[in-house]
Amino acid sequence: MSGRRAGAGLGAMALLVACAQGPNGRFPLAPAMERDPDLEPTINGCHKNEKGKTECGPEAYTSSFAWDAADNSVFRPLAQFFAVKPGAEARDVNSMDEVPDSSWFENRIGKRPMTVTELSHGPCIGGPELLASDEDLGILIDQGKDNGANPGFRVSVKDKGRFMLKVDTAAEPERATGATSIAARFYYAAGYHAPCDSVVYLHPDKLKLKPGLTITDNTGVTKKLDAAKLKSMLTDASRRGDRVRFVASRWLEGRPVGPYTYAGTKDDDPLDVVPHEDRRELRGARIIAAWLNHFDSREQNSMAVWLGEKDDPRRGIVRHYIIDLGDCFGSRWDWDEITRRLGHAYYFDNPLFLEDFGSLGIVERPWDRQRKGFRDSLFFYFRADDFDVDAWRGGYPNPAFSRMTEHDGAWLARILAHIETPLIAEAVRIGDFTDPRQTRYLTDVLAERRRRILDRYLTRLSPVSEVKVTAPYELCMTDLAVSSGVAHQDALAPTAVLTSAQHWAARGMPVRSGPGGKVCVSLPQLGGAPDDADPSRYHVLVVGDGIAKGALRIHYYERASGIQVVGLERPDP
């Protein structure tokens, strides 16, 4: 790095320090919160359910697709138009600019490396998976699957438990079952609670029916689930030889209390205190939804379960899952005009409708030039060359997604930086597509869409992360823009400015960089008052990388035994 470039960088950093550091802006000498109190079981009341049975924990919530769509497409936007609600940052972020483990989220690949084997099993780790070899254990269909785009039913398997089995539709062979299995592993790796979904091929003759079952379709019509109905459900399913292709979803542990909402809180859950639209993990989920084109990311495709303790069923926690991911990677609808718009526009996109009306339809939209990735692609219009993460839209507005800030998106992007191509390839392999072209294509598209997300979000706010104390007076960190391949190692031009109200205003520190975006800074031993928490021992190191517009502010105390990092900030540039 030239002296002129270094000098300019240090000058800008010093200005940032001068403008951002305030007299009362200190973090306390304390470790960051890594575990949300909502993971601590609490006493909840008991009640009678609709069948008169006593249940403990929150009451079940029933979500109406029609109302949720109307509320978020019409009524909520209208109410917000007349309301004064300034944008604000998420409220469940700790001092390290991260989300603590909670009933909503568990730090995984963003906190520690994940092996290919671990990702392969993903949410299935620690429990059984349904395999083709389990046919002889006895598979009993004991409940029909109501609603949903794909036919299915619940089965009970001896020594393995219960699973929901779903098949593909005739119009989309292998896509939805594969998508569900793949996407569940990506959500799990990122940190979300996802179901154990895996592709399995079973002989239909091995499926036994419990008498008296019914099934209700999307129109509300209830029919018998008997041998004839089962045969018709499986007629158009994908097959290999005489075996039917299913996605087997392990039944979630606990008592379902319905989907969770993307706004507000659940009144009868005393641990649910942060409005859902202000949770960073729900806001940032917009990024992973855009990556996978999970356009059906609505409250009906979530599930909350009450995990009561065996000794006292009144005492427990609620765990929150993202479920039903079969829409990912290019769903096909009966109307091609809608299929083309998925990911580009809401079902009822009033702003775009008004623009088109005002321009008499002259404005060309992304869906006007849609084309399939290749002729026989299972993924229809799911591509990378037309992907713009900022412009992506789900089926209809999601309150948490709409509240996502630059900081929320950058947080998820930093996690996504760790899901590298070998892990993407392994997840896609789990989809078990018959045609290897489908596997190669989906892997390539996901890798490129990921690159576009990282290029967008790791070049504005600082991508410097994984700050560690490697010696009593040394800090090392990783520039994720470089380690993820968004920026070349040669582009890394780190600078570091140290400020201390008790010692000096701002002073440049020597920095050394290494392969893979590694950056290390040796810090001076300044001393201070005997009390480690005294303001004289409080310092702020501002690190720039020469790539992103923003810098990382590292807050630390110089203790007698060495330094302790107490806070990280990524100010807007």
Foldseek 3Di string as FASTA:
>chain_A
DDPVVQVVVQVVLLVVLVVPDDPPPAFFPDAKDQEAPLQFKDFFAWDQAPVRDIAADDAADDDDPVCQQCCQFPVVVVVVVPDDDDFDAFDQAIQALHHHDHLFWHQACLVDADDLVCLLQQLVPPADDDEQVQLVQAWEFDAFDEEDPWGWTKIQGPPHGIWIKTFDALVQALQLLLQQQLLQSVCRNLTGNAWRKFKYWYQPVSYHYDPPYWYAYPVRDIDHDDPVNVCVSQVSGDHDVRTGIIIITHDDPAAWRAFDAQAQFRPRAPSTDGTNLSHLVSQQVLQVCLLFLQLVQGRNQKIKGWDADPVGRSITHIHIYGHSSSCTQQDDDPDVLVSLCRFQAALCRVVVVVVCVVVVNPDDGNSVPFAQPDDPASRTRQAAVSRDSVRTHHNGDGSNNVSRDLSSNLNSLLSLLSCALVSLLSSSVSSVDPDVVNSVRVSVRSRNNSLNSCLVNCAFWPQWDPWDDPDQFKIKTARSCDLSPVDDPVQWDKWKWKAAPQPDSIDTFDWDADPSRMIMTGHDQDDDDQDQRDSRQWMWMWMDTNGHPWIKIWIWGQHPRGIDTRRIDGDGD
